[in-house]
Amino acid sequence: MPSYEPRDEGEAAEIVSAAAARSERLRLVGGDTKAGLGRPAQDEATLSARGLSGITLYEPAEMVVSARAGTPLAEVQALLAARGQMLPFEPMDFRGLMGTAGEPTFGAVAASNNSGPRRINAGAARDSLIGVRFVNGRGQAIKSGGRVMKNVTGLDLVKLMAGAWGTLGLLTEVTFKVLPVQERVATLVFSGLDDARAVAALSAALGSPFELTGAAHLPAGLEGAHARTLMRLEGFSESLDYRIGELRKLLRPFGAAEVVEREPGAALWTAIRDATAFAGTTEAVWRISTAPTRAPALAAAIGRALPARWFYDWGGGLIWLAVPAEDDAGAEAIRTALAEQGGHATLIRALDAVRAAVPVFQPLSELLMRVTLGIKAAHDPAGVFNPGRMYAGV
C-alpha cells in the first residue's frame, strides 16, 4: 500500500490533488495512536502528517500557540509547561486504552476534539481552537481563523474541522488558546456513595460558586476499589482553602471528604482522563454522553441487559463503559437504553468485525445525514479522506 509523508503544506496539496484525480482513497494519520477507533479503513494509501512538524508561533503574553499538525503533542506541552502554561482541555492519551504506540500529535487533538476531565470548566478542544490550516479534497490549501478568539465571519471552518476525524481535510497547522497552570490543585474524595448519590453530590458541587475543574465518580468494584467520588479544585492556595471549606459544608449530607494533592491527586485524574481502568483488557469500550441526572439510570439499564463496568466523568455527563467484546459489543442494548434515557454513544474500542457491523459513532437522523453528506461533498468531492471512518458512504 502506498504511503505519503509530505514535508510541507504545498507538497501535501500536490499529493491530495493527484489522489483526487485518480480517486485514490487516503487514510490520514498523525502518530496513529488512535488506530482502531472508527469504522475499519476503506483506504488504498496512507497520508501521514508526521513530516509536518514544528512549533510556528508561541506568544505567552497572548496565551496562543500554533504548531504544524504532525508536531508531537508532548513537545508543545513541554514548551507551555516551561512558561507555566497548559492546554486548557486536558487531552486524553489513547495509547494505553487502544494498545497503540506512536506519539500523539498536535493536529490529531483538533481532528478528534480530544477533551478530558477539565472540559466541564474550560470547554472542549474545539472551544480553545481558534485557527486551522488544512488541505481540502481538491488539493487546495485553506486557512480559517487566526490568533484571536473573535475573528470568524461566515462559515466557521475551525469548529467544523474539530471532531471531523480527518474526513474533511488534512490539517496542516492548528492554533490553540492556552491557560496558566494554577498554583495549587486539590481533590476532594468522598467514599462509599452509590451512583445516584454521587451524581447528586457532583451536581451540587458543580452548581455552587466554587468552580470545580474535575468531577468524576468511580463506582465500587472498579479495579477492586471502594466507591470514590472526586471533585478537583485549582487556584491560589488561600482561595482553595476557603473553597474546600465551603464545599465541605455544602456537601456535609454526603459524608466527610478527604483532600488529596500533588502526585496522588494528579494520578487520579490521569487515570480518569485515559480510562486506564479499561486498558489492557479484552472488553469493548464505549463513551456515552448524556444528561448527568440521567446517567445513573442509563448505566443501570445497560448493566441489567449485559455484563458491564463503568465510571463517570464530567459530573455524570460522560460514562466510560466496558462490556464483553463478543457479538455486537452490546450495541443493541446500549442504543435501546439511550433511546429511553437520551444521549449518544461512541464505540471507542472493539474488534474489527464488530466495528464493520455496527454503527461506531451515534447514528444520524435522515436530516443530519443529508447535511453531513453535503458538507463532505463540499470539502472532499472525490471522497479521498478517511472514507467510511465515521459513517458508511461518507
Protein backbone atom coordinates (compact mmCIF):
# COMPACT_ATOMS: atom_id res chain seq x y z
CA MET A 1 0.00 0.00 0.00
CA PRO A 2 1.46 3.43 -0.93
CA SER A 3 2.39 5.75 1.92
CA TYR A 4 2.88 9.51 1.55
CA GLU A 5 4.61 11.77 4.08
CA PRO A 6 4.74 15.38 2.82
CA ARG A 7 7.30 17.75 4.31
CA ASP A 8 5.25 20.92 3.85
CA GLU A 9 1.74 22.09 3.05
CA GLY A 10 2.48 22.62 -0.64
CA GLU A 11 3.65 19.06 -1.07
CA ALA A 12 0.61 17.82 0.82
CA ALA A 13 -1.67 19.77 -1.53
CA GLU A 14 0.03 18.20 -4.57
CA ILE A 15 -0.37 14.68 -3.13
CA VAL A 16 -4.06 15.21 -2.38
CA SER A 17 -4.74 16.77 -5.79
CA ALA A 18 -3.15 13.81 -7.53
CA ALA A 19 -5.02 11.34 -5.33
CA ALA A 20 -8.34 13.06 -6.10
CA ALA A 21 -7.61 12.93 -9.83
CA ARG A 22 -7.23 9.14 -9.71
CA SER A 23 -9.88 8.62 -6.98
CA GLU A 24 -7.29 7.17 -4.59
CA ARG A 25 -8.68 6.87 -1.09
CA LEU A 26 -6.37 8.06 1.68
CA ARG A 27 -6.16 7.14 5.35
CA LEU A 28 -4.93 10.17 7.28
CA VAL A 29 -2.62 9.53 10.23
CA GLY A 30 -0.57 11.51 12.71
CA GLY A 31 1.05 9.38 15.38
CA ASP A 32 -1.52 6.61 14.71
CA THR A 33 -2.25 6.33 18.44
CA LYS A 34 -6.00 6.04 17.76
CA ALA A 35 -5.69 3.23 15.22
CA GLY A 36 -8.77 1.06 15.53
CA LEU A 37 -11.07 3.94 16.52
CA GLY A 38 -13.83 4.32 13.96
CA ARG A 39 -15.11 2.00 11.27
CA PRO A 40 -12.48 -0.20 9.59
CA ALA A 41 -10.40 1.60 6.98
CA GLN A 42 -11.58 1.60 3.37
CA ASP A 43 -8.42 3.20 2.04
CA GLU A 44 -5.87 2.49 -0.66
CA ALA A 45 -2.96 4.58 0.64
CA THR A 46 -1.76 6.35 3.79
CA LEU A 47 -1.19 10.09 4.07
CA SER A 48 0.83 10.95 7.16
CA ALA A 49 1.13 14.34 8.85
CA ARG A 50 4.30 13.32 10.70
CA GLY A 51 6.54 15.30 8.34
CA LEU A 52 4.54 18.47 9.05
CA SER A 53 6.27 19.19 12.33
CA GLY A 54 7.41 22.21 14.28
CA ILE A 55 6.03 24.98 16.51
CA THR A 56 5.31 28.01 14.33
CA LEU A 57 4.15 30.54 16.91
CA TYR A 58 4.17 30.90 20.67
CA GLU A 59 3.14 34.14 22.34
CA PRO A 60 2.98 33.53 26.11
CA ALA A 61 1.63 37.02 26.82
CA GLU A 62 -1.22 36.48 24.36
CA MET A 63 -1.63 32.86 25.50
CA VAL A 64 -1.59 31.48 21.96
CA VAL A 65 0.36 28.59 20.44
CA SER A 66 0.47 27.35 16.84
CA ALA A 67 2.19 24.25 15.53
CA ARG A 68 2.14 22.12 12.43
CA ALA A 69 -0.20 19.17 12.63
CA GLY A 70 2.45 16.45 12.95
CA THR A 71 4.22 18.11 15.87
CA PRO A 72 4.37 15.74 18.87
CA LEU A 73 1.85 16.85 21.47
CA ALA A 74 4.48 16.31 24.18
CA GLU A 75 6.75 18.88 22.51
CA VAL A 76 4.03 21.53 22.66
CA GLN A 77 3.12 20.66 26.25
CA ALA A 78 6.76 20.85 27.35
CA LEU A 79 7.12 24.30 25.80
CA LEU A 80 3.98 25.51 27.55
CA ALA A 81 4.97 23.98 30.89
CA ALA A 82 8.31 25.79 30.81
CA ARG A 83 6.35 29.06 30.80
CA GLY A 84 3.78 27.93 33.37
CA GLN A 85 1.01 27.39 30.80
CA MET A 86 -1.09 24.46 29.55
CA LEU A 87 -3.71 23.37 27.06
CA PRO A 88 -6.99 24.08 28.90
CA PHE A 89 -8.93 20.98 27.86
CA GLU A 90 -6.61 18.24 29.19
CA PRO A 91 -6.35 15.96 26.10
CA MET A 92 -6.53 12.21 26.62
CA ASP A 93 -3.66 9.86 25.81
CA PHE A 94 -5.33 6.96 23.97
CA ARG A 95 -2.29 4.67 23.82
CA GLY A 96 -3.00 2.63 26.95
CA LEU A 97 -6.66 2.11 26.10
CA MET A 98 -6.08 1.34 22.41
CA GLY A 99 -2.89 -0.67 22.90
CA THR A 100 -1.03 1.52 20.42
CA ALA A 101 2.46 3.01 20.34
CA GLY A 102 3.49 6.08 18.38
CA GLU A 103 3.46 9.67 19.55
CA PRO A 104 0.25 11.72 19.88
CA THR A 105 0.30 14.72 17.54
CA PHE A 106 -0.95 18.27 17.87
CA GLY A 107 -3.19 18.12 14.82
CA ALA A 108 -4.89 14.94 15.99
CA VAL A 109 -6.01 16.76 19.15
CA ALA A 110 -8.03 19.09 16.94
CA ALA A 111 -9.16 16.42 14.47
CA SER A 112 -10.63 14.28 17.26
CA ASN A 113 -11.79 17.16 19.50
CA ASN A 114 -9.81 15.39 22.22
CA SER A 115 -11.07 16.67 25.58
CA GLY A 116 -10.50 15.36 29.10
CA PRO A 117 -11.87 15.97 32.62
CA ARG A 118 -11.31 19.76 32.56
CA ARG A 119 -13.93 20.09 29.82
CA ILE A 120 -16.56 20.87 32.47
CA ASN A 121 -14.65 24.05 33.30
CA ALA A 122 -12.61 25.05 30.24
CA GLY A 123 -14.70 23.59 27.44
CA ALA A 124 -13.76 21.09 24.76
CA ALA A 125 -10.73 21.27 22.49
CA ARG A 126 -12.87 22.97 19.82
CA ASP A 127 -13.61 25.80 22.28
CA SER A 128 -9.88 26.64 22.51
CA LEU A 129 -9.15 26.01 18.83
CA ILE A 130 -9.01 29.41 17.12
CA GLY A 131 -7.20 28.75 13.84
CA VAL A 132 -6.53 25.97 11.35
CA ARG A 133 -4.76 25.43 8.07
CA PHE A 134 -5.78 22.40 6.05
CA VAL A 135 -5.75 20.87 2.60
CA ASN A 136 -9.21 20.05 1.27
CA GLY A 137 -10.14 17.22 -1.07
CA ARG A 138 -9.45 19.34 -4.13
CA GLY A 139 -5.85 19.81 -3.09
CA GLN A 140 -6.43 23.44 -2.07
CA ALA A 141 -4.70 24.93 0.98
CA ILE A 142 -7.28 26.64 3.21
CA LYS A 143 -6.76 28.97 6.18
CA SER A 144 -9.52 29.69 8.66
CA GLY A 145 -9.46 31.61 11.93
CA GLY A 146 -6.36 33.22 13.34
CA ARG A 147 -4.70 34.17 16.60
CA VAL A 148 -7.59 35.79 18.47
CA MET A 149 -10.93 34.39 19.58
CA LYS A 150 -13.33 36.78 17.76
CA ASN A 151 -12.21 36.68 14.17
CA VAL A 152 -14.77 34.47 12.48
CA THR A 153 -17.01 35.65 9.65
CA GLY A 154 -19.14 33.34 7.55
CA LEU A 155 -18.80 29.57 7.91
CA ASP A 156 -16.73 28.63 10.95
CA LEU A 157 -14.40 26.07 9.40
CA VAL A 158 -12.33 25.96 12.60
CA LYS A 159 -15.14 24.37 14.59
CA LEU A 160 -16.18 22.25 11.62
CA MET A 161 -12.76 20.61 11.41
CA ALA A 162 -12.68 19.89 15.16
CA GLY A 163 -14.03 16.38 15.66
CA ALA A 164 -14.30 15.61 11.92
CA TRP A 165 -11.74 12.81 12.34
CA GLY A 166 -9.90 13.74 9.16
CA THR A 167 -12.91 13.15 6.91
CA LEU A 168 -12.99 16.72 5.55
CA GLY A 169 -9.33 17.55 5.06
CA LEU A 170 -5.73 17.12 6.13
CA LEU A 171 -4.93 19.55 8.93
CA THR A 172 -1.51 21.11 8.38
CA GLU A 173 -1.39 23.63 11.24
CA VAL A 174 -3.55 24.37 14.28
CA THR A 175 -3.70 27.26 16.74
CA PHE A 176 -4.98 26.99 20.30
CA LYS A 177 -5.53 29.41 23.14
CA VAL A 178 -3.76 28.30 26.33
CA LEU A 179 -4.17 28.98 30.06
CA PRO A 180 -1.84 29.46 33.02
CA VAL A 181 -1.06 26.46 35.22
CA GLN A 182 -2.70 27.03 38.59
CA GLU A 183 -0.65 27.46 41.77
CA ARG A 184 -2.33 24.61 43.62
CA VAL A 185 -4.55 21.64 42.78
CA ALA A 186 -6.61 19.74 45.35
CA THR A 187 -9.12 16.90 45.04
CA LEU A 188 -11.92 16.19 47.47
CA VAL A 189 -12.60 12.45 47.70
CA PHE A 190 -15.91 11.17 49.09
CA SER A 191 -16.10 7.44 49.79
CA GLY A 192 -18.91 4.91 49.62
CA LEU A 193 -21.54 6.78 47.59
CA ASP A 194 -23.69 4.84 45.16
CA ASP A 195 -24.04 6.18 41.62
CA ALA A 196 -27.19 8.23 42.20
CA ARG A 197 -25.89 9.84 45.40
CA ALA A 198 -22.52 10.50 43.79
CA VAL A 199 -24.04 12.30 40.80
CA ALA A 200 -26.25 14.29 43.18
CA ALA A 201 -23.13 15.38 45.12
CA LEU A 202 -21.30 16.27 41.91
CA SER A 203 -24.29 18.25 40.66
CA ALA A 204 -24.49 20.18 43.93
CA ALA A 205 -20.79 21.00 43.76
CA LEU A 206 -20.93 21.99 40.09
CA GLY A 207 -23.92 24.21 40.80
CA SER A 208 -22.05 26.01 43.57
CA PRO A 209 -19.84 29.10 43.03
CA PHE A 210 -16.68 27.16 43.97
CA GLU A 211 -15.56 26.31 40.43
CA LEU A 212 -14.67 22.65 40.01
CA THR A 213 -12.23 21.68 37.26
CA GLY A 214 -12.92 17.96 37.57
CA ALA A 215 -15.96 15.95 38.70
CA ALA A 216 -15.91 12.16 38.48
CA HIS A 217 -17.25 9.04 40.17
CA LEU A 218 -15.61 5.61 40.31
CA PRO A 219 -18.17 3.01 41.43
CA ALA A 220 -17.40 0.25 43.90
CA GLY A 221 -15.62 -2.72 42.38
CA LEU A 222 -13.88 -0.78 39.61
CA GLU A 223 -10.30 -2.07 39.81
CA GLY A 224 -11.29 -3.73 43.09
CA ALA A 225 -11.63 -0.45 44.97
CA HIS A 226 -14.43 1.05 47.03
CA ALA A 227 -16.59 3.78 45.53
CA ARG A 228 -14.90 7.18 45.23
CA THR A 229 -16.41 10.49 44.19
CA LEU A 230 -13.82 13.05 43.09
CA MET A 231 -14.00 16.84 42.88
CA ARG A 232 -11.00 18.83 41.70
CA LEU A 233 -10.34 22.48 42.51
CA GLU A 234 -7.49 24.68 41.27
CA GLY A 235 -6.25 28.16 42.03
CA PHE A 236 -4.31 30.17 44.58
CA SER A 237 -3.71 28.36 47.84
CA GLU A 238 -5.66 30.79 50.03
CA SER A 239 -8.64 30.61 47.66
CA LEU A 240 -8.52 26.81 47.69
CA ASP A 241 -8.54 26.67 51.48
CA TYR A 242 -11.72 28.75 51.51
CA ARG A 243 -13.43 26.84 48.68
CA ILE A 244 -12.60 23.44 50.18
CA GLY A 245 -14.05 24.53 53.49
CA GLU A 246 -17.23 25.82 51.92
CA LEU A 247 -17.68 22.73 49.76
CA ARG A 248 -17.30 20.51 52.81
CA LYS A 249 -20.11 22.45 54.49
CA LEU A 250 -22.31 22.30 51.39
CA LEU A 251 -21.75 18.58 50.90
CA ARG A 252 -21.95 17.50 54.53
CA PRO A 253 -25.04 15.34 53.80
CA PHE A 254 -22.83 13.19 51.56
CA GLY A 255 -20.25 12.46 54.25
CA ALA A 256 -16.74 13.60 55.07
CA ALA A 257 -14.21 14.24 52.32
CA GLU A 258 -10.51 13.51 52.21
CA VAL A 259 -8.27 16.06 50.45
CA VAL A 260 -5.70 14.61 48.04
CA GLU A 261 -2.98 16.76 46.46
CA ARG A 262 0.25 16.63 44.45
CA GLU A 263 1.22 13.36 42.74
CA PRO A 264 -1.53 11.14 44.25
CA GLY A 265 -4.15 13.63 43.13
CA ALA A 266 -2.62 14.05 39.67
CA ALA A 267 -2.51 10.27 39.25
CA LEU A 268 -6.24 10.00 39.95
CA TRP A 269 -7.11 12.44 37.17
CA THR A 270 -4.65 10.93 34.71
CA ALA A 271 -6.34 7.57 35.23
CA ILE A 272 -9.77 9.11 34.65
CA ARG A 273 -8.58 11.07 31.61
CA ASP A 274 -7.01 8.00 29.97
CA ALA A 275 -9.64 5.43 31.11
CA THR A 276 -6.83 3.28 32.48
CA ALA A 277 -9.32 1.04 34.31
CA PHE A 278 -10.10 -0.47 30.88
CA ALA A 279 -6.57 -0.54 29.48
CA GLY A 280 -5.08 -3.96 28.79
CA THR A 281 -8.41 -5.80 28.83
CA THR A 282 -10.24 -7.60 26.03
CA GLU A 283 -13.51 -5.74 26.61
CA ALA A 284 -15.15 -3.43 24.13
CA VAL A 285 -15.18 0.17 25.36
CA TRP A 286 -17.81 2.85 24.80
CA ARG A 287 -18.04 6.58 25.59
CA ILE A 288 -21.59 7.70 26.33
CA SER A 289 -22.68 11.33 26.66
CA THR A 290 -25.93 12.03 28.45
CA ALA A 291 -27.57 14.40 30.90
CA PRO A 292 -25.79 13.92 34.25
CA THR A 293 -29.04 13.41 36.15
CA ARG A 294 -29.96 10.53 33.81
CA ALA A 295 -26.54 8.86 33.88
CA PRO A 296 -27.08 6.50 36.86
CA ALA A 297 -30.36 5.18 35.44
CA LEU A 298 -28.80 4.78 31.99
CA ALA A 299 -25.80 2.87 33.33
CA ALA A 300 -28.06 0.69 35.48
CA ALA A 301 -30.28 -0.15 32.49
CA ILE A 302 -27.26 -1.21 30.47
CA GLY A 303 -25.95 -3.19 33.45
CA ARG A 304 -29.22 -5.13 33.66
CA ALA A 305 -29.01 -6.00 29.96
CA LEU A 306 -25.41 -7.24 29.84
CA PRO A 307 -22.27 -7.57 31.97
CA ALA A 308 -20.71 -4.12 32.20
CA ARG A 309 -18.30 -1.96 34.15
CA TRP A 310 -18.38 1.82 34.08
CA PHE A 311 -17.30 5.09 35.63
CA TYR A 312 -18.43 8.69 35.26
CA ASP A 313 -16.66 11.90 34.25
CA TRP A 314 -17.93 15.43 33.55
CA GLY A 315 -20.18 15.32 36.61
CA GLY A 316 -22.00 12.30 35.18
CA GLY A 317 -22.30 13.71 31.67
CA LEU A 318 -19.77 11.22 30.34
CA ILE A 319 -19.95 7.48 31.02
CA TRP A 320 -16.97 5.27 30.19
CA LEU A 321 -18.36 1.76 29.72
CA ALA A 322 -16.66 -1.63 29.23
CA VAL A 323 -18.67 -4.63 28.01
CA PRO A 324 -17.91 -8.08 26.56
CA ALA A 325 -16.33 -7.83 23.10
CA GLU A 326 -18.37 -10.68 21.60
CA ASP A 327 -21.43 -10.45 19.33
CA ASP A 328 -22.32 -6.76 18.78
CA ALA A 329 -20.27 -5.49 21.78
CA GLY A 330 -23.52 -4.52 23.50
CA ALA A 331 -24.58 -2.13 20.73
CA GLU A 332 -28.25 -3.13 20.71
CA ALA A 333 -28.64 -2.92 24.50
CA ILE A 334 -26.78 0.38 24.68
CA ARG A 335 -28.71 2.02 21.84
CA THR A 336 -32.00 0.78 23.35
CA ALA A 337 -31.15 2.29 26.74
CA LEU A 338 -30.13 5.55 25.06
CA ALA A 339 -33.44 5.74 23.20
CA GLU A 340 -35.18 5.67 26.58
CA GLN A 341 -32.85 7.91 28.60
CA GLY A 342 -31.35 10.20 25.95
CA GLY A 343 -27.76 10.73 24.89
CA HIS A 344 -25.34 9.33 22.35
CA ALA A 345 -22.63 6.68 22.33
CA THR A 346 -19.33 6.15 20.51
CA LEU A 347 -17.69 2.75 20.27
CA ILE A 348 -14.07 3.52 21.13
CA ARG A 349 -12.52 0.03 21.13
CA ALA A 350 -13.84 -3.17 19.57
CA LEU A 351 -12.93 -5.99 17.24
CA ASP A 352 -12.69 -5.13 13.55
CA ALA A 353 -15.67 -7.34 12.70
CA VAL A 354 -17.83 -5.53 15.25
CA ARG A 355 -16.78 -2.09 14.05
CA ALA A 356 -17.69 -3.10 10.49
CA ALA A 357 -21.11 -4.42 11.52
CA VAL A 358 -22.48 -1.83 13.99
CA PRO A 359 -22.51 1.99 13.99
CA VAL A 360 -19.37 3.23 15.73
CA PHE A 361 -20.49 6.84 16.03
CA GLN A 362 -24.01 7.79 17.07
CA PRO A 363 -26.38 7.14 14.12
CA LEU A 364 -27.61 10.34 12.49
CA SER A 365 -31.17 11.26 11.64
CA GLU A 366 -32.04 11.42 7.94
CA LEU A 367 -31.84 15.22 8.00
CA LEU A 368 -28.46 15.30 9.75
CA MET A 369 -27.09 12.67 7.37
CA ARG A 370 -28.11 14.82 4.40
CA VAL A 371 -26.32 17.78 5.96
CA THR A 372 -23.25 15.62 6.66
CA LEU A 373 -23.17 14.31 3.09
CA GLY A 374 -23.46 17.86 1.77
CA ILE A 375 -20.55 19.08 3.90
CA LYS A 376 -18.45 16.10 2.85
CA ALA A 377 -19.19 16.74 -0.83
CA ALA A 378 -18.29 20.42 -0.49
CA HIS A 379 -14.91 19.77 1.10
CA ASP A 380 -13.97 16.38 -0.32
CA PRO A 381 -15.97 15.80 -3.53
CA ALA A 382 -13.90 12.79 -4.63
CA GLY A 383 -14.22 11.15 -1.20
CA VAL A 384 -10.47 10.67 -0.74
CA PHE A 385 -10.17 11.40 3.01
CA ASN A 386 -10.75 8.61 5.57
CA PRO A 387 -13.66 7.10 3.61
CA GLY A 388 -16.24 5.47 5.83
CA ARG A 389 -14.35 6.08 9.08
CA MET A 390 -17.28 7.79 10.77
CA TYR A 391 -20.27 6.66 8.69
CA ALA A 392 -20.66 4.22 5.80
CA GLY A 393 -20.53 6.04 2.48
CA VAL A 394 -19.16 9.27 4.00
